């Protein structure tokens, strides 16, 4: 019996009781098995594997934040495991770490949501002190797999389509010694020619062996994220989480507030990317999808989307597309960007839609179609029309996520993002609806 097997026997003997003797736990699904450990001052993911196949052994503990800023001064953080508050029940593990000064609580959690597929992970930091503080970047998931020097590995990642498709959407790249890669994702694909295209925040690494086994991870967040991989001889280092650039990254926590790193999922697989993808697809539908949606026998809908004509959509084009969609047995007609007066001015353009959108929605319904509408309430522009979100308006300017230069101009359907975390901005999101659209029976 080899050393690896004896280590597992020792670990499994104690996973049912989280005590002073056992600080290690195991979680598994039919496709993924992880072993995690609560050290005295930092937790650690020991390994990930597809059951019955060689695992991926982690050589590094979790990198928890080392300091916070209080009243402009850098204050070190000393984490200590809170054994009494930590929990492990076979489907969920929560290792709790505390810092007494400054008073913080950190939850390092792993969750099994289905009998198959990956396992979810999240880090949460709570400010228990009585004062405001600023925390630095906390990654969602970091690792340092120990690998064979001669191991042949392959990295798979997928680009976003964005404005136009790229020549290669799904990349399968040899992950050789010296490989360094970073992929980023945001709410809007950046297509500058001097920058790599944005990615779906997901990566898969496969061994080029008979079982075609490996691991994958993804970020359950549609904001600014990044994934990085680096291979150096017998080490494969990686990080998944928020994008720290432009740095420095800081988050303000008032007393009682919490910071939650984006949830990630981590899984093992066999039979190559297709094998992993088949399982992940079912898991996403069961765990991340809305169960009420899947109860609808008509979902997913077949949609005729106006973006085939881009920003040129108007009343005539919309009515023609509605007739075509009805003749083809399509379920929904959907108007994409181009219908509005301007970015942040979410009212129908009277030159394009002289009878408003309610008439278009009604026409779609009379033809037996559902009606859909693209809109981005969080984007502000330069329109001075009543009801528009104008970035030069002193009130609206304070809602922006960043300051803008004097010569700033919005793009055709993207402006500056409004922070809906602000109560005033959130209230506007509920009440500042285009009257015409609000009256329409759109779906």
Protein backbone atom coordinates (compact mmCIF):
# COMPACT_ATOMS: atom_id res chain seq x y z
CA UNK A 1 0.00 0.00 0.00
CA UNK A 2 1.59 3.33 -1.07
CA UNK A 3 2.09 6.45 1.00
CA UNK A 4 -0.76 8.29 -0.74
CA UNK A 5 -3.24 5.56 0.15
CA UNK A 6 -2.16 5.47 3.81
CA UNK A 7 -2.52 9.27 4.00
CA UNK A 8 -6.10 8.97 2.78
CA UNK A 9 -6.94 6.21 5.21
CA UNK A 10 -5.66 8.39 8.04
CA UNK A 11 -7.63 11.40 6.84
CA UNK A 12 -10.89 9.59 6.18
CA UNK A 13 -10.84 8.08 9.66
CA UNK A 14 -11.45 11.51 11.11
CA UNK A 15 -13.55 13.41 8.58
CA UNK A 16 -16.77 12.72 10.45
CA UNK A 17 -15.62 14.55 13.59
CA UNK A 18 -14.06 17.98 13.34
CA UNK A 19 -12.01 18.05 16.53
CA UNK A 20 -8.62 18.99 17.89
CA UNK A 21 -7.28 15.73 16.48
CA UNK A 22 -8.71 16.10 12.99
CA UNK A 23 -8.47 19.41 11.15
CA UNK A 24 -8.88 17.84 7.74
CA UNK A 25 -12.08 17.19 5.79
CA UNK A 26 -13.10 15.54 2.55
CA UNK A 27 -15.89 16.50 0.17
CA UNK A 28 -16.85 14.62 -2.96
CA UNK A 29 -19.32 14.22 -5.77
CA UNK A 30 -19.46 11.46 -8.36
CA UNK A 31 -16.93 13.41 -10.44
CA UNK A 32 -14.86 15.49 -8.02
CA UNK A 33 -13.08 14.80 -4.76
CA UNK A 34 -11.26 17.39 -2.63
CA UNK A 35 -9.36 17.19 0.64
CA UNK A 36 -9.02 20.39 2.66
CA UNK A 37 -7.13 21.25 5.82
CA UNK A 38 -7.52 23.89 8.52
CA UNK A 39 -4.07 25.00 9.62
CA UNK A 40 -3.63 27.09 12.78
CA UNK A 41 -3.38 30.38 10.86
CA UNK A 42 -4.39 29.58 7.27
CA UNK A 43 -6.48 26.93 5.45
CA UNK A 44 -5.32 24.80 2.57
CA UNK A 45 -6.80 22.80 -0.28
CA UNK A 46 -4.69 19.64 -0.19
CA UNK A 47 -5.85 18.00 -3.40
CA UNK A 48 -8.41 17.82 -6.20
CA UNK A 49 -9.09 14.79 -8.35
CA UNK A 50 -11.56 12.85 -10.40
CA UNK A 51 -12.26 9.79 -8.21
CA UNK A 52 -10.07 6.83 -9.06
CA UNK A 53 -7.56 8.89 -11.07
CA UNK A 54 -4.29 10.61 -10.10
CA UNK A 55 -4.96 13.80 -8.16
CA UNK A 56 -3.55 17.30 -8.19
CA UNK A 57 -1.58 17.93 -4.97
CA UNK A 58 -1.46 21.52 -3.77
CA UNK A 59 1.85 22.79 -2.40
CA UNK A 60 0.60 26.12 -1.00
CA UNK A 61 -1.78 27.26 1.71
CA UNK A 62 -4.46 29.88 1.02
CA UNK A 63 -3.05 33.40 0.84
CA UNK A 64 -5.29 35.35 3.24
CA UNK A 65 -5.01 39.12 3.45
CA UNK A 66 -2.10 40.15 5.69
CA UNK A 67 -3.12 43.71 6.59
CA UNK A 68 -5.87 46.31 6.48
CA UNK A 69 -5.84 50.09 6.37
CA UNK A 70 -7.38 51.99 9.30
CA UNK A 71 -7.44 55.79 9.33
CA UNK A 72 -4.74 55.83 6.69
CA UNK A 73 -2.42 53.49 8.62
CA UNK A 74 -1.45 49.97 7.57
CA UNK A 75 -2.40 47.49 10.31
CA UNK A 76 -1.22 43.85 10.26
CA UNK A 77 -3.77 41.04 10.53
CA UNK A 78 -3.02 37.87 12.51
CA UNK A 79 -5.45 35.07 11.62
CA UNK A 80 -6.15 32.23 14.05
CA UNK A 81 -8.38 29.22 13.49
CA UNK A 82 -11.62 29.33 15.48
CA UNK A 83 -12.15 25.60 15.96
CA UNK A 84 -15.47 25.96 17.81
CA UNK A 85 -17.05 28.04 15.06
CA UNK A 86 -15.79 25.81 12.19
CA UNK A 87 -18.14 23.20 10.75
CA UNK A 88 -17.96 20.12 8.53
CA UNK A 89 -20.96 17.93 7.68
CA UNK A 90 -19.99 16.01 4.55
CA UNK A 91 -21.66 18.44 2.14
CA UNK A 92 -20.45 21.77 3.46
CA UNK A 93 -17.21 22.75 5.17
CA UNK A 94 -16.66 26.14 6.78
CA UNK A 95 -13.28 26.85 8.39
CA UNK A 96 -13.51 30.04 10.46
CA UNK A 97 -10.51 32.28 11.13
CA UNK A 98 -10.51 35.32 13.38
CA UNK A 99 -8.29 38.28 14.01
CA UNK A 100 -8.75 39.99 17.37
CA UNK A 101 -6.99 43.25 16.48
CA UNK A 102 -8.25 44.41 14.07
CA UNK A 103 -11.37 42.42 14.85
CA UNK A 104 -12.20 40.40 11.71
CA UNK A 105 -13.89 37.12 10.89
CA UNK A 106 -13.04 35.10 7.78
CA UNK A 107 -15.07 32.14 6.52
CA UNK A 108 -13.32 29.74 4.11
CA UNK A 109 -16.12 27.60 2.70
CA UNK A 110 -16.58 24.66 0.31
CA UNK A 111 -20.07 23.54 -0.71
CA UNK A 112 -21.45 20.45 -2.49
CA UNK A 113 -24.60 21.47 -4.39
CA UNK A 114 -25.26 18.32 -6.43
CA UNK A 115 -24.35 14.64 -6.40
CA UNK A 116 -22.24 15.18 -9.52
CA UNK A 117 -20.06 17.92 -11.01
CA UNK A 118 -17.79 20.47 -9.32
CA UNK A 119 -17.65 21.79 -5.74
CA UNK A 120 -18.15 25.47 -4.95
CA UNK A 121 -15.79 27.65 -2.91
CA UNK A 122 -16.06 31.12 -1.36
CA UNK A 123 -14.16 33.39 1.04
CA UNK A 124 -16.05 35.92 3.18
CA UNK A 125 -14.45 38.61 5.38
CA UNK A 126 -16.53 40.43 8.01
CA UNK A 127 -15.58 43.62 9.85
CA UNK A 128 -16.39 43.01 13.53
CA UNK A 129 -14.61 46.13 14.72
CA UNK A 130 -16.29 49.39 15.54
CA UNK A 131 -14.48 51.39 12.88
CA UNK A 132 -14.26 51.70 9.12
CA UNK A 133 -11.40 49.86 7.47
CA UNK A 134 -10.08 49.12 3.98
CA UNK A 135 -9.07 45.63 2.93
CA UNK A 136 -6.70 44.74 0.08
CA UNK A 137 -7.27 42.17 -2.66
CA UNK A 138 -8.48 38.73 -1.57
CA UNK A 139 -8.38 36.18 -4.37
CA UNK A 140 -11.22 33.66 -4.67
CA UNK A 141 -9.03 30.63 -5.38
CA UNK A 142 -5.26 30.19 -5.59
CA UNK A 143 -3.19 27.02 -5.89
CA UNK A 144 0.26 25.64 -6.64
CA UNK A 145 -0.11 22.13 -8.05
CA UNK A 146 2.95 19.89 -7.80
CA UNK A 147 3.38 18.23 -11.19
CA UNK A 148 5.78 15.85 -12.88
CA UNK A 149 8.56 17.60 -14.78
CA UNK A 150 7.78 15.51 -17.85
CA UNK A 151 3.96 15.80 -17.63
CA UNK A 152 2.33 16.80 -20.91
CA UNK A 153 -0.46 19.25 -20.09
CA UNK A 154 -2.97 21.18 -22.17
CA UNK A 155 -4.80 24.41 -21.27
CA UNK A 156 -8.27 25.17 -22.62
CA UNK A 157 -9.92 28.59 -22.42
CA UNK A 158 -12.73 30.30 -24.33
CA UNK A 159 -12.88 33.87 -25.63
CA UNK A 160 -15.98 36.02 -25.48
CA UNK A 161 -17.67 36.69 -28.79
CA UNK A 162 -17.99 40.41 -28.01
CA UNK A 163 -18.62 42.61 -31.07
CA UNK A 164 -17.29 40.21 -33.69
CA UNK A 165 -16.12 36.60 -33.42
CA UNK A 166 -12.40 35.90 -33.33
CA UNK A 167 -10.58 33.50 -35.65
CA UNK A 168 -10.09 31.06 -32.74
CA UNK A 169 -12.78 31.12 -30.05
CA UNK A 170 -11.84 28.00 -28.08
CA UNK A 171 -8.10 27.80 -27.41
CA UNK A 172 -6.34 24.51 -26.69
CA UNK A 173 -2.71 25.33 -25.88
CA UNK A 174 0.22 23.15 -24.81
CA UNK A 175 0.98 24.08 -21.20
CA UNK A 176 4.76 23.66 -21.26
CA UNK A 177 7.52 24.78 -18.89
CA UNK A 178 7.63 28.59 -18.78
CA UNK A 179 3.98 29.00 -19.81
CA UNK A 180 2.49 32.26 -18.46
CA UNK A 181 -1.05 33.33 -19.24
CA UNK A 182 -3.63 35.77 -17.85
CA UNK A 183 -7.19 36.12 -19.07
CA UNK A 184 -9.57 38.89 -17.98
CA UNK A 185 -13.30 39.40 -18.17
CA UNK A 186 -15.59 42.37 -17.53
CA UNK A 187 -19.18 43.43 -18.05
CA UNK A 188 -18.27 44.64 -21.52
CA UNK A 189 -15.76 43.10 -23.93
CA UNK A 190 -12.78 45.38 -24.63
CA UNK A 191 -11.88 45.05 -28.31
CA UNK A 192 -8.84 47.34 -28.46
CA UNK A 193 -6.37 45.85 -30.90
CA UNK A 194 -3.47 46.15 -28.46
CA UNK A 195 -5.20 44.00 -25.82
CA UNK A 196 -6.05 40.28 -25.75
CA UNK A 197 -9.72 39.50 -26.18
CA UNK A 198 -11.66 38.92 -22.99
CA UNK A 199 -12.44 35.37 -21.88
CA UNK A 200 -15.26 33.45 -20.30
CA UNK A 201 -13.97 33.31 -16.67
CA UNK A 202 -13.20 29.60 -16.83
CA UNK A 203 -10.14 27.42 -17.48
CA UNK A 204 -9.50 23.70 -17.90
CA UNK A 205 -6.20 21.83 -17.64
CA UNK A 206 -5.86 18.29 -19.00
CA UNK A 207 -3.21 15.63 -18.74
CA UNK A 208 -2.31 14.18 -22.12
CA UNK A 209 -2.72 10.63 -20.84
CA UNK A 210 -4.96 7.66 -21.54
CA UNK A 211 -7.74 8.84 -19.21
CA UNK A 212 -7.52 12.46 -20.48
CA UNK A 213 -8.11 13.56 -16.91
CA UNK A 214 -7.68 16.94 -15.29
CA UNK A 215 -9.35 19.80 -13.44
CA UNK A 216 -11.31 22.93 -14.28
CA UNK A 217 -12.49 26.02 -12.41
CA UNK A 218 -14.81 28.91 -13.14
CA UNK A 219 -15.91 32.17 -11.52
CA UNK A 220 -19.63 32.70 -10.83
CA UNK A 221 -19.48 36.46 -11.35
CA UNK A 222 -20.01 38.67 -14.40
CA UNK A 223 -17.96 41.67 -13.22
CA UNK A 224 -14.25 42.40 -13.53
CA UNK A 225 -12.41 39.11 -13.04
CA UNK A 226 -9.13 37.49 -14.01
CA UNK A 227 -7.68 34.00 -14.31
CA UNK A 228 -3.94 33.32 -14.47
CA UNK A 229 -1.77 30.22 -14.95
CA UNK A 230 1.99 29.83 -14.76
CA UNK A 231 4.08 26.66 -15.13
CA UNK A 232 7.63 26.53 -13.80
CA UNK A 233 9.22 23.07 -13.92
CA UNK A 234 7.35 20.95 -11.34
CA UNK A 235 4.90 23.68 -10.32
CA UNK A 236 1.63 24.91 -11.84
CA UNK A 237 0.53 28.08 -10.09
CA UNK A 238 -2.85 29.68 -10.69
CA UNK A 239 -5.24 32.35 -9.41
CA UNK A 240 -8.97 32.91 -9.95
CA UNK A 241 -10.80 35.99 -8.66
CA UNK A 242 -11.44 39.68 -9.09
CA UNK A 243 -9.20 41.66 -11.42
CA UNK A 244 -6.82 43.73 -9.23
CA UNK A 245 -6.00 46.14 -12.06
CA UNK A 246 -5.96 49.05 -12.10
CA UNK A 247 -4.23 48.77 -8.74
CA UNK A 248 -4.17 49.36 -5.85
CA UNK A 249 -7.27 47.29 -5.15
CA UNK A 250 -9.08 48.29 -1.93
CA UNK A 251 -12.54 47.64 -0.49
CA UNK A 252 -14.11 49.77 2.24
CA UNK A 253 -15.82 47.85 5.04
CA UNK A 254 -17.87 49.79 7.56
CA UNK A 255 -18.56 48.19 10.96
CA UNK A 256 -20.64 45.04 10.48
CA UNK A 257 -20.15 44.92 6.70
CA UNK A 258 -18.71 41.94 4.81
CA UNK A 259 -16.70 41.39 1.65
CA UNK A 260 -17.47 38.27 -0.35
CA UNK A 261 -14.97 37.09 -2.94
CA UNK A 262 -16.78 35.81 -6.05
CA UNK A 263 -17.84 32.17 -5.75
CA UNK A 264 -15.78 29.75 -7.81
CA UNK A 265 -16.45 26.14 -8.75
CA UNK A 266 -13.68 23.54 -8.96
CA UNK A 267 -14.05 20.15 -10.59
CA UNK A 268 -12.19 17.08 -11.72
CA UNK A 269 -12.93 15.28 -14.98
CA UNK A 270 -12.00 12.40 -17.26
CA UNK A 271 -12.46 11.75 -20.99
CA UNK A 272 -11.10 15.13 -22.00
CA UNK A 273 -12.86 18.51 -22.28
CA UNK A 274 -15.95 16.86 -23.76
CA UNK A 275 -16.25 14.58 -20.73
CA UNK A 276 -15.83 17.49 -18.32
CA UNK A 277 -18.16 19.69 -20.34
CA UNK A 278 -20.96 17.13 -20.40
CA UNK A 279 -20.98 16.96 -16.60
CA UNK A 280 -20.51 20.71 -16.10
CA UNK A 281 -23.40 21.52 -18.44
CA UNK A 282 -25.80 19.42 -16.37
CA UNK A 283 -24.44 20.92 -13.14
CA UNK A 284 -24.87 24.51 -14.34
CA UNK A 285 -28.44 23.81 -15.33
CA UNK A 286 -29.26 22.18 -11.97
CA UNK A 287 -27.30 24.49 -9.64
CA UNK A 288 -26.88 27.89 -11.27
CA UNK A 289 -30.03 28.03 -13.38
CA UNK A 290 -33.42 29.18 -12.12
CA UNK A 291 -35.44 26.01 -11.42
CA UNK A 292 -38.68 27.84 -12.25
CA UNK A 293 -37.36 28.50 -15.76
CA UNK A 294 -36.76 24.82 -16.45
CA UNK A 295 -40.33 24.00 -15.44
CA UNK A 296 -41.49 25.90 -18.52
CA UNK A 297 -41.76 23.32 -21.34
CA UNK A 298 -41.33 26.12 -23.91
CA UNK A 299 -37.85 27.04 -22.66
CA UNK A 300 -35.40 27.71 -24.19
CA UNK A 301 -37.20 30.01 -26.59
CA UNK A 302 -36.35 30.41 -30.26
CA UNK A 303 -35.76 34.15 -30.68
CA UNK A 304 -35.55 36.46 -33.69
CA UNK A 305 -33.18 39.21 -32.50
CA UNK A 306 -32.92 42.56 -34.25
CA UNK A 307 -29.13 42.67 -33.81
CA UNK A 308 -28.80 41.09 -37.23
CA UNK A 309 -29.29 44.65 -38.45
CA UNK A 310 -27.27 46.25 -35.66
CA UNK A 311 -28.12 49.77 -34.46
CA UNK A 312 -30.22 50.46 -37.58
CA UNK A 313 -33.38 48.86 -36.15
CA UNK A 314 -36.53 50.93 -36.62
CA UNK A 315 -40.30 50.47 -36.75
CA UNK A 316 -40.36 49.21 -40.33
CA UNK A 317 -37.58 46.68 -39.74
CA UNK A 318 -39.16 45.51 -36.48
CA UNK A 319 -42.58 44.94 -38.07
CA UNK A 320 -41.03 43.02 -40.96
CA UNK A 321 -39.02 40.84 -38.58
CA UNK A 322 -42.16 40.15 -36.53
CA UNK A 323 -43.99 38.89 -39.64
CA UNK A 324 -41.01 36.74 -40.64
CA UNK A 325 -40.68 35.34 -37.11
CA UNK A 326 -44.37 34.41 -37.00
CA UNK A 327 -44.16 32.69 -40.40
CA UNK A 328 -41.16 30.64 -39.24
CA UNK A 329 -42.78 29.57 -35.96
CA UNK A 330 -40.31 31.52 -33.80
CA UNK A 331 -41.31 32.08 -30.14
CA UNK A 332 -40.12 35.63 -29.48
CA UNK A 333 -39.16 38.84 -31.26
CA UNK A 334 -36.46 40.73 -29.39
CA UNK A 335 -35.35 44.31 -30.05
CA UNK A 336 -31.67 44.76 -29.29
CA UNK A 337 -29.65 47.99 -28.95
CA UNK A 338 -30.51 50.88 -31.27
CA UNK A 339 -34.11 51.61 -30.25
CA UNK A 340 -33.34 54.35 -27.68
CA UNK A 341 -32.70 58.10 -28.01
CA UNK A 342 -29.20 57.73 -26.61
CA UNK A 343 -27.09 55.86 -24.04
CA UNK A 344 -28.57 56.61 -20.63
CA UNK A 345 -31.65 58.09 -22.33
CA UNK A 346 -33.79 54.98 -22.27
CA UNK A 347 -36.78 56.29 -24.22
CA UNK A 348 -37.74 55.22 -27.75
CA UNK A 349 -36.15 57.25 -30.52
CA UNK A 350 -39.15 59.05 -32.09
CA UNK A 351 -37.48 59.15 -35.50
CA UNK A 352 -37.08 55.34 -35.51
CA UNK A 353 -40.24 54.47 -33.59
CA UNK A 354 -42.80 57.24 -34.16
CA UNK A 355 -45.52 55.13 -32.52
CA UNK A 356 -43.38 54.06 -29.57
CA UNK A 357 -42.50 50.57 -28.43
CA UNK A 358 -45.90 49.68 -27.01
CA UNK A 359 -47.21 49.42 -30.57
CA UNK A 360 -44.34 47.07 -31.52
CA UNK A 361 -44.96 44.88 -28.48
CA UNK A 362 -48.65 44.71 -29.28
CA UNK A 363 -47.89 43.80 -32.91
CA UNK A 364 -45.66 40.96 -31.72
CA UNK A 365 -48.40 39.66 -29.41
CA UNK A 366 -51.01 39.79 -32.17
CA UNK A 367 -48.71 37.59 -34.24
CA UNK A 368 -48.47 35.07 -31.39
CA UNK A 369 -44.97 36.10 -30.30
CA UNK A 370 -43.48 37.10 -27.02
CA UNK A 371 -41.71 40.47 -27.00
CA UNK A 372 -38.27 41.20 -25.57
CA UNK A 373 -36.24 44.38 -25.20
CA UNK A 374 -32.54 45.00 -24.58
CA UNK A 375 -31.73 47.81 -22.16
CA UNK A 376 -28.85 48.63 -19.82
CA UNK A 377 -30.23 50.72 -16.96
CA UNK A 378 -26.79 51.07 -15.35
CA UNK A 379 -25.27 53.07 -18.23
CA UNK A 380 -25.23 56.88 -18.27
CA UNK A 381 -24.38 59.13 -21.20
CA UNK A 382 -24.53 62.77 -22.30
CA UNK A 383 -28.19 63.19 -23.29
CA UNK A 384 -29.77 66.32 -21.78
CA UNK A 385 -33.32 65.15 -22.45
CA UNK A 386 -35.66 65.00 -19.42
CA UNK A 387 -35.32 61.69 -17.59
CA UNK A 388 -31.94 60.82 -19.08
CA UNK A 389 -28.95 59.77 -16.99
CA UNK A 390 -26.45 62.51 -17.85
CA UNK A 391 -22.93 62.07 -16.47
CA UNK A 392 -22.54 65.89 -16.30
CA UNK A 393 -25.56 66.23 -13.99
CA UNK A 394 -24.08 66.91 -10.51
CA UNK A 395 -26.44 64.41 -8.92
CA UNK A 396 -25.80 61.67 -11.49
CA UNK A 397 -22.05 62.35 -11.51
CA UNK A 398 -21.82 61.16 -7.91
CA UNK A 399 -23.37 57.84 -8.94
CA UNK A 400 -20.59 57.00 -11.39
CA UNK A 401 -18.09 54.25 -10.52
CA UNK A 402 -15.22 56.48 -11.69
CA UNK A 403 -14.52 60.07 -12.71
CA UNK A 404 -14.62 60.95 -16.40
CA UNK A 405 -12.42 63.29 -18.47
CA UNK A 406 -13.99 66.41 -19.97
CA UNK A 407 -13.74 65.03 -23.50
CA UNK A 408 -15.43 61.71 -22.66
CA UNK A 409 -17.96 60.36 -25.16
CA UNK A 410 -20.24 57.32 -24.84
CA UNK A 411 -20.11 54.44 -27.30
CA UNK A 412 -23.17 53.53 -29.41
CA UNK A 413 -24.71 51.40 -26.66
CA UNK A 414 -22.34 51.73 -23.70
CA UNK A 415 -21.71 54.70 -21.44
CA UNK A 416 -20.42 55.04 -17.89
CA UNK A 417 -21.58 52.56 -15.26
CA UNK A 418 -23.87 53.72 -12.46
CA UNK A 419 -23.25 52.18 -9.04
CA UNK A 420 -26.59 50.62 -8.11
CA UNK A 421 -25.21 49.97 -4.63
CA UNK A 422 -26.06 53.60 -3.88
CA UNK A 423 -29.64 53.85 -2.56
CA UNK A 424 -30.42 56.91 -4.73
CA UNK A 425 -29.20 55.20 -7.89
CA UNK A 426 -31.02 52.00 -7.01
CA UNK A 427 -34.25 53.91 -6.47
CA UNK A 428 -33.86 55.56 -9.87
CA UNK A 429 -33.40 52.12 -11.40
CA UNK A 430 -36.84 51.21 -10.03
CA UNK A 431 -38.63 54.44 -10.92
CA UNK A 432 -36.87 56.03 -13.94
CA UNK A 433 -38.48 53.74 -16.51
CA UNK A 434 -39.46 54.95 -19.97
CA UNK A 435 -43.19 55.66 -19.81
CA UNK A 436 -43.80 54.11 -23.21
CA UNK A 437 -42.06 50.86 -22.33
CA UNK A 438 -43.65 50.75 -18.89
CA UNK A 439 -47.12 50.90 -20.46
CA UNK A 440 -46.31 48.24 -23.01
CA UNK A 441 -47.23 44.62 -22.29
CA UNK A 442 -43.64 43.57 -23.01
CA UNK A 443 -42.27 40.37 -21.53
